[in-house]
N, C-alpha and C. Protein backbone atom coordinates (compact mmCIF):
# COMPACT_ATOMS: atom_id res chain seq x y z
N MET A 1 17.98 -3.86 25.94
CA MET A 1 16.69 -3.46 25.41
C MET A 1 15.62 -4.33 26.06
N ASN A 2 14.60 -3.69 26.60
CA ASN A 2 13.53 -4.48 27.24
C ASN A 2 12.46 -4.85 26.22
N ARG A 3 11.49 -5.62 26.70
CA ARG A 3 10.42 -6.14 25.81
C ARG A 3 9.65 -5.01 25.14
N ASP A 4 9.34 -3.93 25.90
CA ASP A 4 8.59 -2.82 25.31
C ASP A 4 9.37 -2.15 24.18
N ASP A 5 10.71 -2.00 24.37
CA ASP A 5 11.53 -1.40 23.33
C ASP A 5 11.54 -2.27 22.08
N ARG A 6 11.68 -3.60 22.26
CA ARG A 6 11.67 -4.52 21.11
C ARG A 6 10.32 -4.44 20.40
N SER A 7 9.25 -4.40 21.15
CA SER A 7 7.91 -4.33 20.56
C SER A 7 7.75 -3.03 19.78
N ARG A 8 8.21 -1.92 20.37
CA ARG A 8 8.10 -0.64 19.70
C ARG A 8 8.93 -0.64 18.42
N ASN A 9 10.16 -1.19 18.45
CA ASN A 9 11.00 -1.25 17.25
C ASN A 9 10.35 -2.08 16.17
N THR A 10 9.75 -3.20 16.52
CA THR A 10 9.06 -4.06 15.56
C THR A 10 7.90 -3.30 14.93
N GLN A 11 7.14 -2.57 15.75
CA GLN A 11 6.02 -1.81 15.22
C GLN A 11 6.51 -0.72 14.28
N GLU A 12 7.65 -0.07 14.62
CA GLU A 12 8.17 0.97 13.76
C GLU A 12 8.61 0.40 12.41
N VAL A 13 9.28 -0.77 12.44
CA VAL A 13 9.69 -1.40 11.19
C VAL A 13 8.45 -1.78 10.39
N SER A 14 7.46 -2.40 11.04
CA SER A 14 6.26 -2.83 10.35
C SER A 14 5.51 -1.65 9.75
N ALA A 15 5.44 -0.56 10.49
CA ALA A 15 4.69 0.60 10.01
C ALA A 15 5.33 1.18 8.75
N SER A 16 6.63 1.01 8.59
CA SER A 16 7.29 1.60 7.44
C SER A 16 7.50 0.59 6.31
N GLN A 17 7.17 -0.67 6.53
CA GLN A 17 7.36 -1.68 5.50
C GLN A 17 6.23 -1.70 4.49
N LEU A 18 6.60 -2.08 3.26
CA LEU A 18 5.61 -2.23 2.19
C LEU A 18 5.70 -3.63 1.62
N LEU A 19 4.54 -4.18 1.35
CA LEU A 19 4.44 -5.41 0.58
C LEU A 19 3.74 -5.02 -0.71
N THR A 20 4.49 -5.03 -1.80
CA THR A 20 3.97 -4.63 -3.10
C THR A 20 3.68 -5.88 -3.91
N VAL A 21 2.45 -6.01 -4.39
CA VAL A 21 2.03 -7.16 -5.17
C VAL A 21 1.73 -6.67 -6.58
N LEU A 22 2.45 -7.25 -7.55
CA LEU A 22 2.22 -6.90 -8.95
C LEU A 22 1.23 -7.88 -9.55
N ARG A 23 0.34 -7.35 -10.39
CA ARG A 23 -0.68 -8.19 -11.02
C ARG A 23 -0.76 -7.82 -12.49
N GLY A 24 -0.76 -8.83 -13.36
CA GLY A 24 -0.88 -8.56 -14.79
C GLY A 24 -0.61 -9.81 -15.60
N LEU A 25 -0.96 -9.72 -16.87
CA LEU A 25 -0.73 -10.83 -17.79
C LEU A 25 0.76 -11.09 -17.95
N MET A 26 1.07 -12.30 -18.42
CA MET A 26 2.43 -12.64 -18.75
C MET A 26 2.89 -11.69 -19.87
N GLY A 27 4.07 -11.13 -19.71
CA GLY A 27 4.59 -10.22 -20.73
C GLY A 27 4.14 -8.78 -20.59
N ALA A 28 3.38 -8.47 -19.56
CA ALA A 28 2.89 -7.09 -19.39
C ALA A 28 3.97 -6.14 -18.88
N GLY A 29 5.03 -6.69 -18.28
CA GLY A 29 6.11 -5.84 -17.78
C GLY A 29 6.30 -5.88 -16.27
N LYS A 30 5.72 -6.88 -15.61
CA LYS A 30 5.83 -6.97 -14.15
C LYS A 30 7.27 -7.14 -13.68
N THR A 31 8.00 -8.05 -14.30
CA THR A 31 9.37 -8.31 -13.88
C THR A 31 10.26 -7.10 -14.18
N THR A 32 10.05 -6.45 -15.31
CA THR A 32 10.80 -5.24 -15.63
C THR A 32 10.55 -4.17 -14.58
N LEU A 33 9.30 -3.99 -14.20
CA LEU A 33 8.95 -3.00 -13.17
C LEU A 33 9.59 -3.38 -11.83
N ALA A 34 9.45 -4.65 -11.45
CA ALA A 34 10.01 -5.10 -10.16
C ALA A 34 11.52 -4.87 -10.11
N THR A 35 12.19 -5.21 -11.19
CA THR A 35 13.65 -5.03 -11.26
C THR A 35 14.02 -3.56 -11.16
N SER A 36 13.30 -2.71 -11.87
CA SER A 36 13.57 -1.26 -11.82
C SER A 36 13.36 -0.71 -10.42
N LEU A 37 12.28 -1.11 -9.78
CA LEU A 37 12.01 -0.63 -8.42
C LEU A 37 13.06 -1.12 -7.44
N ALA A 38 13.47 -2.38 -7.57
CA ALA A 38 14.46 -2.95 -6.66
C ALA A 38 15.81 -2.24 -6.78
N GLU A 39 16.11 -1.74 -7.96
CA GLU A 39 17.38 -1.04 -8.17
C GLU A 39 17.42 0.31 -7.47
N THR A 40 16.28 0.80 -6.99
CA THR A 40 16.25 2.10 -6.33
C THR A 40 16.67 2.04 -4.87
N SER A 41 16.72 0.83 -4.29
CA SER A 41 17.05 0.71 -2.87
C SER A 41 17.55 -0.69 -2.55
N PRO A 42 18.59 -0.77 -1.71
CA PRO A 42 19.06 -2.09 -1.29
C PRO A 42 18.09 -2.75 -0.30
N ASN A 43 17.09 -2.00 0.14
CA ASN A 43 16.12 -2.50 1.12
C ASN A 43 14.87 -3.09 0.45
N ILE A 44 14.92 -3.30 -0.86
CA ILE A 44 13.78 -3.87 -1.58
C ILE A 44 14.19 -5.25 -2.10
N ALA A 45 13.40 -6.25 -1.75
CA ALA A 45 13.62 -7.61 -2.25
C ALA A 45 12.50 -7.97 -3.22
N VAL A 46 12.84 -8.67 -4.28
CA VAL A 46 11.85 -9.15 -5.24
C VAL A 46 11.74 -10.66 -5.09
N VAL A 47 10.51 -11.14 -4.95
CA VAL A 47 10.24 -12.57 -4.94
C VAL A 47 9.44 -12.86 -6.20
N CYS A 48 10.07 -13.60 -7.11
CA CYS A 48 9.49 -13.86 -8.42
C CYS A 48 9.07 -15.33 -8.52
N ARG A 49 7.80 -15.55 -8.71
CA ARG A 49 7.27 -16.91 -8.80
C ARG A 49 7.90 -17.71 -9.94
N ASP A 50 8.15 -17.07 -11.08
CA ASP A 50 8.77 -17.76 -12.20
C ASP A 50 10.18 -18.24 -11.84
N THR A 51 10.92 -17.42 -11.12
CA THR A 51 12.27 -17.80 -10.70
C THR A 51 12.23 -18.99 -9.76
N ILE A 52 11.26 -19.01 -8.86
CA ILE A 52 11.11 -20.15 -7.94
C ILE A 52 10.84 -21.42 -8.74
N ARG A 53 9.99 -21.34 -9.75
CA ARG A 53 9.72 -22.51 -10.60
C ARG A 53 11.00 -22.99 -11.28
N GLU A 54 11.74 -22.05 -11.85
CA GLU A 54 12.96 -22.41 -12.58
C GLU A 54 14.00 -23.05 -11.66
N ILE A 55 14.20 -22.47 -10.48
CA ILE A 55 15.21 -22.97 -9.55
C ILE A 55 14.84 -24.35 -9.00
N ASN A 56 13.58 -24.52 -8.65
CA ASN A 56 13.18 -25.75 -7.97
C ASN A 56 12.71 -26.87 -8.88
N PHE A 57 12.21 -26.51 -10.07
CA PHE A 57 11.70 -27.54 -10.97
C PHE A 57 12.38 -27.51 -12.34
N HIS A 58 13.34 -26.61 -12.52
CA HIS A 58 14.14 -26.52 -13.73
C HIS A 58 13.31 -26.37 -15.00
N ARG A 59 12.19 -25.70 -14.84
CA ARG A 59 11.37 -25.36 -16.01
C ARG A 59 10.47 -24.19 -15.63
N ASP A 60 9.94 -23.55 -16.66
CA ASP A 60 9.04 -22.42 -16.41
C ASP A 60 7.64 -22.80 -16.84
N GLY A 61 6.73 -21.86 -16.71
CA GLY A 61 5.34 -22.13 -17.04
C GLY A 61 4.61 -22.77 -15.88
N LEU A 62 3.34 -23.01 -16.10
CA LEU A 62 2.50 -23.60 -15.07
C LEU A 62 2.90 -25.05 -14.84
N LEU A 63 3.03 -25.42 -13.59
CA LEU A 63 3.41 -26.77 -13.20
C LEU A 63 2.17 -27.54 -12.77
N SER A 64 2.34 -28.75 -12.28
CA SER A 64 1.21 -29.51 -11.75
C SER A 64 0.68 -28.81 -10.49
N ARG A 65 -0.51 -29.16 -10.09
CA ARG A 65 -1.11 -28.54 -8.90
C ARG A 65 -0.22 -28.74 -7.67
N ASP A 66 0.30 -29.96 -7.48
CA ASP A 66 1.18 -30.23 -6.33
C ASP A 66 2.45 -29.39 -6.40
N GLU A 67 3.03 -29.28 -7.59
CA GLU A 67 4.24 -28.47 -7.74
C GLU A 67 3.95 -27.00 -7.51
N GLU A 68 2.81 -26.51 -8.01
CA GLU A 68 2.44 -25.11 -7.77
C GLU A 68 2.23 -24.84 -6.28
N ASP A 69 1.68 -25.82 -5.56
CA ASP A 69 1.53 -25.68 -4.11
C ASP A 69 2.90 -25.54 -3.43
N ILE A 70 3.88 -26.30 -3.90
CA ILE A 70 5.24 -26.18 -3.37
C ILE A 70 5.80 -24.80 -3.68
N VAL A 71 5.60 -24.34 -4.91
CA VAL A 71 6.06 -23.00 -5.30
C VAL A 71 5.41 -21.95 -4.40
N SER A 72 4.11 -22.08 -4.13
CA SER A 72 3.41 -21.12 -3.25
C SER A 72 4.01 -21.11 -1.85
N GLY A 73 4.35 -22.28 -1.33
CA GLY A 73 4.97 -22.36 -0.01
C GLY A 73 6.32 -21.69 0.03
N ILE A 74 7.13 -21.94 -0.99
CA ILE A 74 8.46 -21.31 -1.07
C ILE A 74 8.32 -19.80 -1.22
N GLU A 75 7.38 -19.38 -2.07
CA GLU A 75 7.13 -17.95 -2.30
C GLU A 75 6.77 -17.26 -0.98
N MET A 76 5.85 -17.83 -0.23
CA MET A 76 5.44 -17.25 1.05
C MET A 76 6.62 -17.22 2.03
N ALA A 77 7.38 -18.31 2.10
CA ALA A 77 8.52 -18.36 3.02
C ALA A 77 9.54 -17.29 2.68
N GLN A 78 9.81 -17.08 1.39
CA GLN A 78 10.76 -16.05 0.99
C GLN A 78 10.27 -14.65 1.34
N VAL A 79 8.99 -14.40 1.09
CA VAL A 79 8.42 -13.09 1.43
C VAL A 79 8.53 -12.84 2.93
N VAL A 80 8.13 -13.80 3.73
CA VAL A 80 8.18 -13.65 5.19
C VAL A 80 9.62 -13.45 5.66
N GLU A 81 10.55 -14.20 5.10
CA GLU A 81 11.96 -14.05 5.48
C GLU A 81 12.45 -12.63 5.21
N HIS A 82 12.14 -12.10 4.04
CA HIS A 82 12.56 -10.72 3.72
C HIS A 82 11.88 -9.70 4.64
N LEU A 83 10.60 -9.89 4.89
CA LEU A 83 9.91 -8.98 5.81
C LEU A 83 10.51 -9.04 7.21
N ASP A 84 10.85 -10.25 7.66
CA ASP A 84 11.48 -10.41 8.98
C ASP A 84 12.81 -9.68 9.06
N MET A 85 13.48 -9.52 7.94
CA MET A 85 14.76 -8.80 7.90
C MET A 85 14.55 -7.29 7.74
N GLY A 86 13.28 -6.86 7.72
CA GLY A 86 12.98 -5.44 7.64
C GLY A 86 12.95 -4.88 6.23
N ARG A 87 12.97 -5.75 5.24
CA ARG A 87 12.96 -5.29 3.85
C ARG A 87 11.54 -5.05 3.36
N ASN A 88 11.42 -4.18 2.37
CA ASN A 88 10.20 -4.06 1.60
C ASN A 88 10.25 -5.16 0.55
N VAL A 89 9.09 -5.73 0.21
CA VAL A 89 9.07 -6.86 -0.70
C VAL A 89 8.13 -6.57 -1.87
N ILE A 90 8.60 -6.96 -3.06
CA ILE A 90 7.78 -6.92 -4.26
C ILE A 90 7.52 -8.37 -4.67
N VAL A 91 6.26 -8.74 -4.79
CA VAL A 91 5.90 -10.09 -5.23
C VAL A 91 5.53 -10.01 -6.71
N ASP A 92 6.34 -10.70 -7.51
CA ASP A 92 6.21 -10.67 -8.97
C ASP A 92 5.56 -11.97 -9.44
N ALA A 93 4.27 -11.91 -9.75
CA ALA A 93 3.51 -13.06 -10.27
C ALA A 93 2.27 -12.50 -10.95
N THR A 94 1.55 -13.35 -11.69
CA THR A 94 0.39 -12.83 -12.42
C THR A 94 -0.73 -12.38 -11.49
N HIS A 95 -1.05 -13.14 -10.46
CA HIS A 95 -2.08 -12.80 -9.47
C HIS A 95 -3.44 -12.49 -10.09
N LEU A 96 -3.81 -13.18 -11.16
CA LEU A 96 -5.09 -12.92 -11.82
C LEU A 96 -6.27 -13.49 -11.03
N ASP A 97 -6.04 -14.54 -10.28
CA ASP A 97 -7.08 -15.14 -9.44
C ASP A 97 -7.15 -14.35 -8.13
N PRO A 98 -8.32 -13.86 -7.74
CA PRO A 98 -8.42 -13.06 -6.51
C PRO A 98 -7.89 -13.78 -5.27
N ASP A 99 -7.99 -15.11 -5.23
CA ASP A 99 -7.47 -15.85 -4.07
C ASP A 99 -5.96 -15.68 -3.94
N HIS A 100 -5.27 -15.53 -5.06
CA HIS A 100 -3.82 -15.36 -5.02
C HIS A 100 -3.46 -14.02 -4.40
N VAL A 101 -4.26 -13.01 -4.63
CA VAL A 101 -4.02 -11.70 -4.03
C VAL A 101 -4.40 -11.74 -2.54
N GLN A 102 -5.48 -12.42 -2.23
CA GLN A 102 -5.97 -12.44 -0.84
C GLN A 102 -4.96 -13.00 0.15
N ARG A 103 -4.12 -13.94 -0.29
CA ARG A 103 -3.10 -14.47 0.64
C ARG A 103 -2.13 -13.37 1.06
N TRP A 104 -1.83 -12.43 0.14
CA TRP A 104 -0.93 -11.33 0.48
C TRP A 104 -1.66 -10.28 1.31
N VAL A 105 -2.93 -10.07 1.02
CA VAL A 105 -3.74 -9.15 1.84
C VAL A 105 -3.75 -9.66 3.28
N ALA A 106 -3.98 -10.96 3.46
CA ALA A 106 -4.01 -11.56 4.80
C ALA A 106 -2.65 -11.43 5.50
N LEU A 107 -1.57 -11.65 4.76
CA LEU A 107 -0.23 -11.53 5.36
C LEU A 107 0.02 -10.09 5.80
N ALA A 108 -0.29 -9.13 4.94
CA ALA A 108 -0.08 -7.72 5.29
C ALA A 108 -0.90 -7.33 6.51
N ARG A 109 -2.13 -7.78 6.54
CA ARG A 109 -3.00 -7.48 7.68
C ARG A 109 -2.44 -8.10 8.96
N ALA A 110 -2.01 -9.35 8.90
CA ALA A 110 -1.48 -10.05 10.08
C ALA A 110 -0.20 -9.39 10.59
N ARG A 111 0.58 -8.82 9.71
CA ARG A 111 1.85 -8.19 10.10
C ARG A 111 1.73 -6.68 10.30
N ALA A 112 0.53 -6.15 10.08
CA ALA A 112 0.27 -4.71 10.22
C ALA A 112 1.21 -3.89 9.33
N ILE A 113 1.35 -4.33 8.07
CA ILE A 113 2.16 -3.59 7.11
C ILE A 113 1.27 -3.17 5.95
N GLU A 114 1.74 -2.19 5.21
CA GLU A 114 0.95 -1.68 4.09
C GLU A 114 1.09 -2.58 2.87
N LEU A 115 -0.03 -2.89 2.24
CA LEU A 115 -0.04 -3.64 0.99
C LEU A 115 -0.33 -2.67 -0.14
N VAL A 116 0.49 -2.73 -1.18
CA VAL A 116 0.28 -1.92 -2.37
C VAL A 116 0.07 -2.90 -3.52
N LEU A 117 -1.10 -2.85 -4.13
CA LEU A 117 -1.42 -3.72 -5.26
C LEU A 117 -1.30 -2.90 -6.54
N VAL A 118 -0.42 -3.34 -7.42
CA VAL A 118 -0.15 -2.60 -8.66
C VAL A 118 -0.57 -3.45 -9.85
N ASP A 119 -1.53 -2.94 -10.61
CA ASP A 119 -1.92 -3.60 -11.85
C ASP A 119 -0.99 -3.09 -12.96
N VAL A 120 -0.35 -4.04 -13.64
CA VAL A 120 0.53 -3.72 -14.76
C VAL A 120 -0.22 -4.17 -16.02
N LEU A 121 -0.72 -3.20 -16.76
CA LEU A 121 -1.57 -3.50 -17.90
C LEU A 121 -0.84 -3.28 -19.23
N ALA A 122 -1.18 -4.13 -20.18
CA ALA A 122 -0.71 -3.99 -21.56
C ALA A 122 -1.69 -4.76 -22.43
N PRO A 123 -1.91 -4.30 -23.65
CA PRO A 123 -2.77 -5.06 -24.56
C PRO A 123 -2.20 -6.46 -24.78
N VAL A 124 -3.09 -7.41 -25.05
CA VAL A 124 -2.68 -8.80 -25.23
C VAL A 124 -1.60 -8.93 -26.30
N ASP A 125 -1.76 -8.25 -27.43
CA ASP A 125 -0.77 -8.35 -28.50
C ASP A 125 0.59 -7.81 -28.07
N VAL A 126 0.60 -6.80 -27.22
CA VAL A 126 1.86 -6.27 -26.70
C VAL A 126 2.49 -7.30 -25.76
N CYS A 127 1.69 -7.93 -24.92
CA CYS A 127 2.21 -8.97 -24.03
C CYS A 127 2.85 -10.10 -24.83
N ILE A 128 2.18 -10.52 -25.89
CA ILE A 128 2.70 -11.60 -26.74
C ILE A 128 4.00 -11.17 -27.39
N ALA A 129 4.06 -9.95 -27.90
CA ALA A 129 5.29 -9.44 -28.52
C ALA A 129 6.42 -9.35 -27.50
N ASN A 130 6.11 -8.91 -26.28
CA ASN A 130 7.13 -8.82 -25.23
C ASN A 130 7.70 -10.19 -24.89
N VAL A 131 6.82 -11.19 -24.80
CA VAL A 131 7.27 -12.55 -24.49
C VAL A 131 8.14 -13.09 -25.62
N LYS A 132 7.75 -12.82 -26.85
CA LYS A 132 8.55 -13.27 -28.00
C LYS A 132 9.94 -12.64 -27.96
N ARG A 133 9.98 -11.34 -27.68
CA ARG A 133 11.26 -10.62 -27.58
C ARG A 133 12.10 -11.21 -26.43
N ARG A 134 11.46 -11.46 -25.31
CA ARG A 134 12.15 -12.04 -24.15
C ARG A 134 12.73 -13.41 -24.51
N LYS A 135 11.94 -14.24 -25.18
CA LYS A 135 12.40 -15.57 -25.60
C LYS A 135 13.60 -15.45 -26.53
N ASN A 136 13.53 -14.54 -27.49
CA ASN A 136 14.63 -14.34 -28.44
C ASN A 136 15.91 -13.88 -27.75
N GLN A 137 15.77 -13.31 -26.56
CA GLN A 137 16.93 -12.87 -25.78
C GLN A 137 17.35 -13.91 -24.75
N GLY A 138 16.77 -15.12 -24.87
CA GLY A 138 17.14 -16.21 -23.97
C GLY A 138 16.31 -16.32 -22.71
N GLY A 139 15.22 -15.57 -22.64
CA GLY A 139 14.37 -15.58 -21.45
C GLY A 139 13.21 -16.55 -21.55
N ARG A 140 12.32 -16.43 -20.59
CA ARG A 140 11.16 -17.33 -20.49
C ARG A 140 10.21 -17.15 -21.67
N ASP A 141 9.60 -18.27 -22.05
CA ASP A 141 8.63 -18.27 -23.13
C ASP A 141 7.25 -18.60 -22.57
N VAL A 142 6.24 -18.04 -23.15
CA VAL A 142 4.85 -18.37 -22.84
C VAL A 142 4.12 -18.47 -24.17
N ASP A 143 3.41 -19.56 -24.36
CA ASP A 143 2.64 -19.76 -25.59
C ASP A 143 1.61 -18.63 -25.71
N PRO A 144 1.50 -17.99 -26.87
CA PRO A 144 0.52 -16.91 -27.04
C PRO A 144 -0.91 -17.34 -26.68
N ARG A 145 -1.24 -18.61 -26.92
CA ARG A 145 -2.58 -19.10 -26.57
C ARG A 145 -2.81 -19.03 -25.07
N VAL A 146 -1.76 -19.25 -24.28
CA VAL A 146 -1.88 -19.18 -22.82
C VAL A 146 -2.18 -17.75 -22.39
N ILE A 147 -1.52 -16.79 -23.01
CA ILE A 147 -1.74 -15.38 -22.68
C ILE A 147 -3.16 -14.97 -23.07
N ARG A 148 -3.58 -15.34 -24.27
CA ARG A 148 -4.94 -15.01 -24.71
C ARG A 148 -5.99 -15.66 -23.81
N ASP A 149 -5.76 -16.92 -23.43
CA ASP A 149 -6.70 -17.62 -22.57
C ASP A 149 -6.77 -16.97 -21.19
N ALA A 150 -5.60 -16.59 -20.64
CA ALA A 150 -5.59 -15.91 -19.34
C ALA A 150 -6.37 -14.61 -19.41
N HIS A 151 -6.21 -13.87 -20.50
CA HIS A 151 -6.95 -12.61 -20.66
C HIS A 151 -8.45 -12.87 -20.81
N ARG A 152 -8.79 -13.91 -21.54
CA ARG A 152 -10.21 -14.24 -21.74
C ARG A 152 -10.85 -14.66 -20.40
N ARG A 153 -10.15 -15.48 -19.62
CA ARG A 153 -10.70 -15.96 -18.35
C ARG A 153 -10.64 -14.90 -17.25
N HIS A 154 -9.65 -14.00 -17.33
CA HIS A 154 -9.46 -12.99 -16.29
C HIS A 154 -9.23 -11.61 -16.93
N PRO A 155 -10.24 -11.03 -17.57
CA PRO A 155 -10.02 -9.70 -18.15
C PRO A 155 -9.74 -8.69 -17.04
N PRO A 156 -8.91 -7.69 -17.31
CA PRO A 156 -8.57 -6.71 -16.27
C PRO A 156 -9.78 -6.10 -15.56
N SER A 157 -10.89 -5.96 -16.26
CA SER A 157 -12.08 -5.38 -15.62
C SER A 157 -12.63 -6.27 -14.52
N SER A 158 -12.23 -7.54 -14.49
CA SER A 158 -12.73 -8.47 -13.46
C SER A 158 -11.77 -8.62 -12.29
N TRP A 159 -10.59 -8.01 -12.36
CA TRP A 159 -9.59 -8.22 -11.32
C TRP A 159 -10.07 -7.65 -9.99
N SER A 160 -9.84 -8.42 -8.95
CA SER A 160 -10.27 -8.03 -7.61
C SER A 160 -9.21 -8.50 -6.63
N PRO A 161 -9.00 -7.73 -5.57
CA PRO A 161 -9.58 -6.44 -5.22
C PRO A 161 -9.02 -5.33 -6.12
N PRO A 162 -9.60 -4.13 -6.01
CA PRO A 162 -9.13 -3.01 -6.83
C PRO A 162 -7.66 -2.70 -6.54
N ALA A 163 -6.95 -2.27 -7.55
CA ALA A 163 -5.53 -1.93 -7.41
C ALA A 163 -5.35 -0.61 -6.68
N THR A 164 -4.21 -0.51 -6.02
CA THR A 164 -3.80 0.76 -5.42
C THR A 164 -3.32 1.69 -6.53
N PHE A 165 -2.58 1.12 -7.49
CA PHE A 165 -2.06 1.86 -8.63
C PHE A 165 -2.25 1.01 -9.89
N THR A 166 -2.42 1.68 -11.01
CA THR A 166 -2.49 1.02 -12.31
C THR A 166 -1.46 1.65 -13.22
N ILE A 167 -0.66 0.80 -13.85
CA ILE A 167 0.37 1.26 -14.77
C ILE A 167 0.05 0.70 -16.14
N GLY A 168 0.03 1.55 -17.15
CA GLY A 168 -0.25 1.11 -18.50
C GLY A 168 -1.74 1.07 -18.80
N SER A 169 -2.07 0.42 -19.91
CA SER A 169 -3.45 0.29 -20.35
C SER A 169 -3.59 -1.03 -21.09
N SER A 170 -4.72 -1.68 -20.92
CA SER A 170 -4.95 -2.92 -21.65
C SER A 170 -5.65 -2.67 -22.98
N THR A 171 -5.93 -1.40 -23.27
CA THR A 171 -6.60 -1.02 -24.52
C THR A 171 -5.56 -0.77 -25.60
N PRO A 172 -5.66 -1.47 -26.73
CA PRO A 172 -4.71 -1.20 -27.81
C PRO A 172 -4.85 0.24 -28.30
N THR A 173 -3.73 0.85 -28.56
CA THR A 173 -3.76 2.21 -29.11
C THR A 173 -3.08 2.18 -30.46
N HIS A 174 -3.52 3.02 -31.34
CA HIS A 174 -2.95 3.13 -32.67
C HIS A 174 -2.50 4.56 -32.84
N SER A 175 -1.60 4.77 -33.77
CA SER A 175 -1.03 6.11 -33.93
C SER A 175 -2.11 7.15 -34.24
N ASN A 176 -3.22 6.75 -34.87
CA ASN A 176 -4.26 7.72 -35.19
C ASN A 176 -5.45 7.62 -34.24
N HIS A 177 -5.28 6.90 -33.13
CA HIS A 177 -6.37 6.73 -32.18
C HIS A 177 -5.87 7.00 -30.77
N ARG A 178 -6.63 7.74 -30.01
CA ARG A 178 -6.29 7.99 -28.61
C ARG A 178 -7.41 7.48 -27.74
N ALA A 179 -7.01 6.87 -26.62
CA ALA A 179 -8.01 6.43 -25.66
C ALA A 179 -8.66 7.67 -25.05
N PRO A 180 -9.96 7.61 -24.75
CA PRO A 180 -10.62 8.77 -24.14
C PRO A 180 -9.99 9.10 -22.80
N ARG A 181 -9.89 10.37 -22.52
CA ARG A 181 -9.34 10.82 -21.23
C ARG A 181 -10.38 10.64 -20.14
N GLY A 182 -9.87 10.37 -18.91
CA GLY A 182 -10.75 10.29 -17.76
C GLY A 182 -11.58 9.03 -17.69
N ARG A 183 -11.23 8.01 -18.45
CA ARG A 183 -12.01 6.78 -18.45
C ARG A 183 -11.23 5.60 -17.88
N GLY A 184 -10.04 5.84 -17.31
CA GLY A 184 -9.24 4.77 -16.75
C GLY A 184 -9.86 4.19 -15.49
N ARG A 185 -9.34 3.03 -15.06
CA ARG A 185 -9.88 2.33 -13.89
C ARG A 185 -9.86 3.17 -12.63
N ASN A 186 -8.81 3.98 -12.47
CA ASN A 186 -8.66 4.73 -11.23
C ASN A 186 -9.09 6.18 -11.36
N SER A 187 -9.76 6.52 -12.45
CA SER A 187 -10.24 7.90 -12.59
C SER A 187 -11.74 7.93 -12.30
N THR A 188 -12.21 9.07 -12.00
CA THR A 188 -13.63 9.20 -11.71
C THR A 188 -14.29 10.03 -12.80
N ALA A 189 -15.44 9.60 -13.23
CA ALA A 189 -16.18 10.35 -14.25
C ALA A 189 -16.80 11.58 -13.63
N LYS A 190 -16.86 12.65 -14.39
CA LYS A 190 -17.44 13.90 -13.87
C LYS A 190 -18.77 14.15 -14.52
């Protein structure tokens, strides 16, 4: 195979690769979604920031700034390694700060691959209930105050850049109340 053939093959792989970035509050369902999507194909790898924290620092939750920088380096290295192997990658982290999303936008742009940003929305009380259920099943815990504070500091309406897809709703619904139709983030008013 000559250099042109290798270049063409790399471009073909890159053109068909996806970097999917999940964004949402803790407990919104990002890991559940990532796991479900990964089960659809052996060519999908999930890089989960929480797992990196657990493996490398033997604890979950937010770490010190220096430790989080190490987690970010490991996260990027894992994503790049999977992309180099031709896999599609799902990055599972909150990504509420626009700078956290921009690093993936820059990587996708540099590698000429498609970036899909998916907002996973759920009302704060649902997120808290999901985390409580997860903890009761032996999973990660997040203090409800942390979830409320994250929502207060980064409400979904402030998330940037705009999502490619939005799953769920951050608006609480009640059995006798329905959210108005056509008012979602990705719908257009007529």
